[in-house]
Amino acid sequence: MFQERLGTVSEHIQTVRSIISTNKNLRELLFQRPAIEELIIHQNTEISSLKKIAPSLNNWQIYDHCSVVTRLYAIYENFVESIITDWILQLPNLFPNYSDLAEEIRSTHQIGVAQLLQELKKKKSRFERLSVEDAIRGLFFGVSNSDHRYDLIPEAFLLHEQNLRKEALEKLFADAGIPKVWNWIERHRDMKRFIEEVRANENTPEGELKQLIEYRNESAHGGVVSNFLDTNTLIEVCDFTEALCRALAELITYKIVERQKSNGQLKQIGKITEWFKKPEAGVAVLNSTSLSLGDRVFLVNENIAYCQPAIVRSLQVDGVSQAEVQVTEEMELGLQFDVQARKDLLIYSELSLISA
């Protein structure tokens, strides 16, 4: 779940990192080389021509700052809207009856549909692709207990106008039935690592996000940028943005896993009792299940804000590799996954795999 979207985010942010580093190296080549290298550069026609058309060092750094913070905020905002859309589209599968949805979700949906209908009356609506029928169909089927399956229109949940600071982000998620989003973000391992190791606990996730948005607004609105971030700090902002997106993706994954567990679609089959960073493998206690190489499971621990899908890459019983294991009573297994795991993670599997 959401792994493809996270992969796209990582790819976009890595591109930003690459551009930051490339521009830094170019500036050093053109402006900050020792005298002997400067002489060589002048003898190189292509480099010499490049230096003549290059912006000033200061203006170049300001442009880097503005483009990076603007792009990173856009990546973050787009990711938030995309995963909320995915969550909203999943809800009819998780809650077959409209009345089973949390009150917050139904309320947001109904108010959102009313706002969409008003928007659609405008000559130039940002929702031109939607029709009145699109807006009201799911609501009608939901509240009328029709035999038709209801659906939820994601646009009804994304009518925010504010920048996605902490408070706006919390409201957006809470209105979609996911409360306490910031509590999860603060506990997420990637965010904790960033705050502790990169910021030395001198800032908070809320402070980091607020600063990114302030820089972005200043850059996007054409204000005078007098205090621009250096190369290393811009790369750190990339790291923060990626950690934030990962935390949000795992939160929604966790909510889906919890609901599927309640619906009987997923079952806890074990727990990791030991984990070794090298060779990224561990020991788990499993009970009443069937597990094979290539199976997909979910690794979950709400206390440390961890929830990831994982593929089983190695299975061992008493140190002997196995392609498949049938567990009829509690048993210790050696396990390795395609993701980094840790001690105390619960292992969930689909019932179809368990009974296979």
Protein backbone atom coordinates (compact mmCIF):
# COMPACT_ATOMS: atom_id res chain seq x y z
CA MET A 1 0.00 0.00 0.00
CA PHE A 2 1.32 3.39 -1.02
CA GLN A 3 4.76 1.91 -1.82
CA GLU A 4 4.51 3.06 -5.43
CA ARG A 5 3.59 6.59 -4.35
CA LEU A 6 6.44 6.61 -1.84
CA GLY A 7 8.79 5.41 -4.54
CA THR A 8 7.72 8.32 -6.74
CA VAL A 9 8.23 10.78 -3.88
CA SER A 10 11.70 9.38 -3.18
CA GLU A 11 12.57 9.63 -6.87
CA HIS A 12 11.42 13.27 -7.06
CA ILE A 13 13.26 14.22 -3.87
CA GLN A 14 16.41 12.44 -5.03
CA THR A 15 16.25 14.50 -8.23
CA VAL A 16 16.08 17.66 -6.10
CA ARG A 17 19.12 16.47 -4.11
CA SER A 18 21.00 15.80 -7.36
CA ILE A 19 20.22 19.26 -8.72
CA ILE A 20 21.34 20.88 -5.45
CA SER A 21 24.66 19.00 -5.55
CA THR A 22 25.18 19.57 -9.27
CA ASN A 23 24.65 23.31 -8.91
CA LYS A 24 27.03 23.41 -5.95
CA ASN A 25 29.75 21.67 -7.94
CA LEU A 26 29.20 23.99 -10.90
CA ARG A 27 29.48 27.05 -8.69
CA GLU A 28 32.71 25.77 -7.22
CA LEU A 29 34.04 25.09 -10.70
CA LEU A 30 33.16 28.55 -11.96
CA PHE A 31 33.74 30.77 -8.94
CA GLN A 32 35.76 29.11 -6.21
CA ARG A 33 38.72 27.38 -7.85
CA PRO A 34 42.38 28.17 -6.99
CA ALA A 35 44.31 30.40 -9.38
CA ILE A 36 46.07 27.57 -11.26
CA GLU A 37 42.74 25.85 -11.97
CA GLU A 38 41.24 29.21 -12.95
CA LEU A 39 43.91 29.49 -15.66
CA ILE A 40 42.99 26.05 -16.98
CA ILE A 41 39.32 26.97 -17.01
CA HIS A 42 40.05 30.09 -19.10
CA GLN A 43 41.83 27.90 -21.61
CA ASN A 44 38.75 25.69 -21.89
CA THR A 45 36.40 27.47 -24.28
CA GLU A 46 33.24 25.67 -23.13
CA ILE A 47 33.83 26.33 -19.44
CA SER A 48 34.88 29.89 -20.14
CA SER A 49 31.68 30.48 -22.14
CA LEU A 50 29.63 28.94 -19.34
CA LYS A 51 31.16 31.29 -16.78
CA LYS A 52 30.26 34.32 -18.90
CA ILE A 53 26.55 33.48 -18.89
CA ALA A 54 26.32 32.16 -15.33
CA PRO A 55 24.37 34.23 -12.77
CA SER A 56 26.19 35.79 -9.87
CA LEU A 57 27.08 33.45 -7.02
CA ASN A 58 24.58 35.10 -4.68
CA ASN A 59 21.70 35.10 -7.17
CA TRP A 60 22.37 31.50 -8.09
CA GLN A 61 22.15 30.41 -4.45
CA ILE A 62 18.93 32.40 -3.97
CA TYR A 63 17.44 30.70 -7.03
CA ASP A 64 18.43 27.28 -5.67
CA HIS A 65 16.80 28.11 -2.36
CA CYS A 66 13.55 29.32 -3.93
CA SER A 67 13.21 26.47 -6.41
CA VAL A 68 14.02 23.77 -3.85
CA VAL A 69 11.65 24.88 -1.09
CA THR A 70 8.86 25.51 -3.62
CA ARG A 71 9.32 22.09 -5.22
CA LEU A 72 9.57 20.24 -1.88
CA TYR A 73 6.36 21.77 -0.59
CA ALA A 74 4.60 20.85 -3.84
CA ILE A 75 5.84 17.25 -3.50
CA TYR A 76 4.58 17.11 0.09
CA GLU A 77 1.17 18.66 -0.61
CA ASN A 78 0.58 16.51 -3.68
CA PHE A 79 1.54 13.39 -1.74
CA VAL A 80 -0.85 14.23 1.10
CA GLU A 81 -3.74 14.75 -1.31
CA SER A 82 -2.86 11.56 -3.21
CA ILE A 83 -2.79 9.27 -0.17
CA ILE A 84 -5.97 10.77 1.26
CA THR A 85 -7.58 10.13 -2.13
CA ASP A 86 -6.39 6.51 -1.96
CA TRP A 87 -7.75 6.18 1.58
CA ILE A 88 -11.14 7.62 0.63
CA LEU A 89 -11.41 5.27 -2.35
CA GLN A 90 -10.59 2.32 -0.05
CA LEU A 91 -13.28 3.12 2.50
CA PRO A 92 -16.20 1.38 0.72
CA ASN A 93 -14.11 -1.81 0.74
CA LEU A 94 -13.34 -1.43 4.44
CA PHE A 95 -16.85 -0.29 5.46
CA PRO A 96 -19.42 -1.91 3.13
CA ASN A 97 -22.29 0.09 4.65
CA TYR A 98 -22.28 3.87 4.54
CA SER A 99 -23.74 3.95 8.07
CA ASP A 100 -20.66 2.08 9.35
CA LEU A 101 -18.41 5.02 8.49
CA ALA A 102 -17.29 7.21 11.37
CA GLU A 103 -19.46 10.28 11.94
CA GLU A 104 -16.52 12.55 11.01
CA ILE A 105 -16.20 10.90 7.61
CA ARG A 106 -19.92 11.07 6.82
CA SER A 107 -20.13 14.67 7.98
CA THR A 108 -17.12 15.74 5.92
CA HIS A 109 -18.50 13.89 2.90
CA GLN A 110 -21.93 15.49 3.11
CA ILE A 111 -20.62 19.02 3.70
CA GLY A 112 -18.01 18.51 0.98
CA VAL A 113 -20.65 17.40 -1.56
CA ALA A 114 -22.67 20.55 -0.80
CA GLN A 115 -19.58 22.70 -1.35
CA LEU A 116 -18.78 20.89 -4.58
CA LEU A 117 -22.28 21.57 -5.88
CA GLN A 118 -21.72 25.28 -5.24
CA GLU A 119 -18.34 25.13 -6.98
CA LEU A 120 -19.83 23.42 -10.01
CA LYS A 121 -22.20 26.35 -10.55
CA LYS A 122 -19.26 28.66 -11.22
CA LYS A 123 -18.32 29.36 -14.83
CA LYS A 124 -14.69 28.54 -14.15
CA SER A 125 -14.67 25.82 -11.55
CA ARG A 126 -11.50 23.98 -10.55
CA PHE A 127 -13.66 20.84 -10.61
CA GLU A 128 -14.74 21.14 -14.25
CA ARG A 129 -14.20 17.45 -14.90
CA LEU A 130 -16.90 16.57 -12.33
CA SER A 131 -20.63 16.58 -13.04
CA VAL A 132 -23.46 17.13 -10.58
CA GLU A 133 -24.19 13.41 -10.90
CA ASP A 134 -20.59 12.57 -9.94
CA ALA A 135 -20.90 14.70 -6.83
CA ILE A 136 -24.17 13.34 -5.50
CA ARG A 137 -24.29 9.74 -6.72
CA GLY A 138 -22.30 8.17 -3.88
CA LEU A 139 -24.09 10.21 -1.24
CA PHE A 140 -27.50 9.21 -2.59
CA PHE A 141 -26.65 5.51 -2.65
CA GLY A 142 -25.15 5.79 0.85
CA VAL A 143 -27.96 7.53 2.70
CA SER A 144 -30.78 5.75 0.84
CA ASN A 145 -29.50 2.25 1.68
CA SER A 146 -29.69 1.46 -2.00
CA ASP A 147 -28.69 -1.92 -3.38
CA HIS A 148 -26.09 -0.02 -5.37
CA ARG A 149 -22.70 0.19 -3.69
CA TYR A 150 -21.97 3.67 -2.40
CA ASP A 151 -18.77 5.49 -3.23
CA LEU A 152 -17.05 8.55 -1.84
CA ILE A 153 -15.81 11.39 -3.99
CA PRO A 154 -12.28 12.32 -2.82
CA GLU A 155 -12.66 15.95 -3.88
CA ALA A 156 -15.24 16.39 -1.11
CA PHE A 157 -12.46 15.75 1.42
CA LEU A 158 -9.82 17.97 -0.19
CA LEU A 159 -11.46 21.40 -0.14
CA HIS A 160 -8.72 22.97 1.96
CA GLU A 161 -7.39 26.44 1.20
CA GLN A 162 -4.61 26.69 3.78
CA ASN A 163 -1.01 25.63 3.58
CA LEU A 164 -0.64 22.21 5.18
CA ARG A 165 0.95 23.23 8.47
CA LYS A 166 0.45 20.99 11.49
CA GLU A 167 -3.06 22.20 12.35
CA ALA A 168 -4.33 22.10 8.74
CA LEU A 169 -2.79 18.66 8.19
CA GLU A 170 -4.37 17.31 11.37
CA LYS A 171 -7.79 18.62 10.35
CA LEU A 172 -7.52 17.21 6.83
CA PHE A 173 -6.74 13.74 8.17
CA ALA A 174 -9.21 13.91 11.06
CA ASP A 175 -12.02 14.89 8.68
CA ALA A 176 -11.16 11.78 6.66
CA GLY A 177 -11.41 9.61 9.78
CA ILE A 178 -7.74 9.53 10.79
CA PRO A 179 -7.21 11.44 14.05
CA LYS A 180 -3.96 12.18 15.93
CA VAL A 181 -1.83 12.30 12.79
CA TRP A 182 0.82 14.48 14.41
CA ASN A 183 1.26 12.10 17.32
CA TRP A 184 2.16 9.38 14.81
CA ILE A 185 4.55 11.68 12.91
CA GLU A 186 6.47 12.56 16.07
CA ARG A 187 6.87 8.87 16.98
CA HIS A 188 7.90 7.70 13.52
CA ARG A 189 11.45 6.32 13.45
CA ASP A 190 12.62 8.34 10.42
CA MET A 191 11.32 11.58 11.92
CA LYS A 192 12.81 10.84 15.34
CA ARG A 193 16.15 10.04 13.71
CA PHE A 194 16.08 13.32 11.76
CA ILE A 195 15.24 15.45 14.79
CA GLU A 196 17.74 13.70 17.05
CA GLU A 197 20.67 13.20 14.67
CA VAL A 198 20.37 16.02 12.15
CA ARG A 199 18.80 18.74 14.31
CA ALA A 200 20.31 17.58 17.64
CA ASN A 201 16.85 18.02 19.20
CA GLU A 202 17.02 21.78 18.60
CA ASN A 203 13.84 21.80 16.54
CA THR A 204 10.60 19.83 16.25
CA PRO A 205 8.73 18.30 13.31
CA GLU A 206 6.19 21.10 13.64
CA GLY A 207 8.94 23.71 13.55
CA GLU A 208 10.58 22.11 10.52
CA LEU A 209 7.31 22.04 8.57
CA LYS A 210 6.44 25.60 9.56
CA GLN A 211 9.85 26.80 8.39
CA LEU A 212 9.56 24.98 5.06
CA ILE A 213 6.16 26.59 4.42
CA GLU A 214 7.41 30.05 5.39
CA TYR A 215 10.37 29.73 3.03
CA ARG A 216 8.07 28.42 0.29
CA ASN A 217 5.57 31.26 0.70
CA GLU A 218 8.30 33.87 0.63
CA SER A 219 9.75 32.32 -2.53
CA ALA A 220 6.43 31.74 -4.31
CA HIS A 221 5.08 35.22 -3.64
CA GLY A 222 8.06 37.04 -5.09
CA GLY A 223 9.34 38.59 -1.88
CA VAL A 224 12.94 39.63 -1.34
CA VAL A 225 14.91 36.59 -0.19
CA SER A 226 17.70 37.79 2.04
CA ASN A 227 18.22 34.69 4.14
CA PHE A 228 18.70 31.69 1.86
CA LEU A 229 19.61 28.15 2.92
CA ASP A 230 23.01 26.73 2.05
CA THR A 231 23.49 23.49 0.14
CA ASN A 232 23.76 21.18 3.14
CA THR A 233 20.68 22.65 4.78
CA LEU A 234 18.66 22.33 1.58
CA ILE A 235 19.55 18.64 1.42
CA GLU A 236 18.47 18.30 5.06
CA VAL A 237 15.10 19.81 4.14
CA CYS A 238 14.85 17.11 1.46
CA ASP A 239 15.47 14.49 4.15
CA PHE A 240 12.79 16.01 6.39
CA THR A 241 10.22 16.07 3.57
CA GLU A 242 10.88 12.45 2.70
CA ALA A 243 10.60 11.38 6.37
CA LEU A 244 7.32 13.25 6.70
CA CYS A 245 5.82 11.59 3.64
CA ARG A 246 6.95 8.15 4.79
CA ALA A 247 5.38 8.65 8.21
CA LEU A 248 2.05 9.68 6.67
CA ALA A 249 2.02 6.70 4.30
CA GLU A 250 2.65 4.27 7.14
CA LEU A 251 -0.10 5.85 9.23
CA ILE A 252 -2.74 5.26 6.55
CA THR A 253 -1.37 1.77 5.94
CA TYR A 254 -1.77 1.10 9.65
CA LYS A 255 -5.39 2.30 9.60
CA ILE A 256 -6.15 -0.03 6.69
CA VAL A 257 -4.40 -2.97 8.38
CA GLU A 258 -6.34 -2.36 11.60
CA ARG A 259 -9.64 -2.29 9.74
CA GLN A 260 -8.81 -5.42 7.73
CA LYS A 261 -7.92 -7.13 10.99
CA SER A 262 -11.34 -6.18 12.41
CA ASN A 263 -13.02 -7.45 9.24
CA GLY A 264 -11.20 -10.77 9.45
CA GLN A 265 -9.14 -10.17 6.31
CA LEU A 266 -5.82 -10.08 8.17
CA LYS A 267 -4.63 -12.07 11.17
CA GLN A 268 -1.66 -11.72 13.49
CA ILE A 269 0.53 -14.76 12.91
CA GLY A 270 3.58 -13.93 14.99
CA LYS A 271 6.04 -11.48 16.47
CA ILE A 272 9.70 -10.69 15.88
CA THR A 273 11.53 -11.49 19.11
CA GLU A 274 15.11 -10.77 17.98
CA TRP A 275 16.57 -8.67 15.19
CA PHE A 276 20.14 -8.35 13.98
CA LYS A 277 21.24 -5.34 11.92
CA LYS A 278 23.73 -7.59 10.21
CA PRO A 279 22.68 -9.51 8.18
CA GLU A 280 19.31 -7.69 8.47
CA ALA A 281 17.54 -10.81 9.71
CA GLY A 282 15.85 -11.95 12.87
CA VAL A 283 13.95 -14.54 14.84
CA ALA A 284 10.18 -14.63 15.08
CA VAL A 285 7.71 -16.76 17.02
CA LEU A 286 4.89 -17.86 14.73
CA ASN A 287 1.70 -19.79 15.43
CA SER A 288 -0.87 -21.62 13.24
CA THR A 289 0.13 -20.41 9.82
CA SER A 290 1.68 -21.27 6.50
CA LEU A 291 4.54 -19.10 5.25
CA SER A 292 6.48 -19.29 1.99
CA LEU A 293 9.25 -17.39 0.31
CA GLY A 294 7.75 -14.47 -1.58
CA ASP A 295 4.70 -14.14 0.68
CA ARG A 296 3.64 -10.61 1.59
CA VAL A 297 3.05 -9.80 5.23
CA PHE A 298 2.59 -6.62 7.24
CA LEU A 299 5.02 -5.63 10.00
CA VAL A 300 3.30 -3.48 12.62
CA ASN A 301 4.00 -1.74 15.91
CA GLU A 302 1.75 1.19 16.78
CA ASN A 303 3.92 2.27 19.73
CA ILE A 304 6.83 3.14 17.46
CA ALA A 305 4.65 4.26 14.51
CA TYR A 306 5.78 1.41 12.26
CA CYS A 307 3.61 -0.25 9.60
CA GLN A 308 5.08 -1.61 6.38
CA PRO A 309 4.28 -4.33 3.89
CA ALA A 310 7.17 -6.76 3.56
CA ILE A 311 8.09 -9.69 1.34
CA VAL A 312 9.54 -12.82 2.95
CA ARG A 313 13.02 -13.29 1.45
CA SER A 314 14.41 -16.03 3.71
CA LEU A 315 12.93 -18.71 5.97
CA GLN A 316 14.96 -20.90 8.29
CA VAL A 317 14.09 -23.64 10.78
CA ASP A 318 16.93 -24.57 13.12
CA GLY A 319 19.33 -22.80 10.77
CA VAL A 320 18.20 -24.72 7.69
CA SER A 321 16.71 -22.73 4.80
CA GLN A 322 13.16 -23.60 3.80
CA ALA A 323 10.96 -22.67 0.84
CA GLU A 324 7.77 -23.11 2.86
CA VAL A 325 6.91 -23.71 6.50
CA GLN A 326 3.69 -25.09 7.96
CA VAL A 327 3.29 -23.99 11.59
CA THR A 328 0.72 -25.93 13.62
CA GLU A 329 1.93 -24.88 17.05
CA GLU A 330 4.17 -22.13 18.36
CA MET A 331 7.53 -22.25 16.56
CA GLU A 332 10.66 -20.11 16.23
CA LEU A 333 11.73 -19.25 12.70
CA GLY A 334 14.58 -17.32 11.18
CA LEU A 335 13.22 -14.61 8.89
CA GLN A 336 14.51 -12.02 6.47
CA PHE A 337 12.42 -9.44 4.61
CA ASP A 338 12.88 -6.97 1.78
CA VAL A 339 12.60 -4.08 4.27
CA GLN A 340 14.42 -3.17 7.45
CA ALA A 341 12.61 -4.64 10.43
CA ARG A 342 13.24 -4.65 14.19
CA LYS A 343 12.42 -6.42 17.41
CA ASP A 344 8.81 -6.40 18.72
CA LEU A 345 7.12 -5.97 15.35
CA LEU A 346 3.87 -7.90 15.00
CA ILE A 347 3.50 -9.95 11.82
CA TYR A 348 0.14 -9.94 10.02
CA SER A 349 -0.84 -12.07 7.05
CA GLU A 350 -3.86 -12.34 4.79
CA LEU A 351 -6.22 -15.15 5.73
CA SER A 352 -6.02 -16.53 2.20
CA LEU A 353 -2.32 -17.18 2.76
CA ILE A 354 -2.82 -18.61 6.23
CA SER A 355 -5.31 -21.18 5.00
CA ALA A 356 -3.46 -21.98 1.78
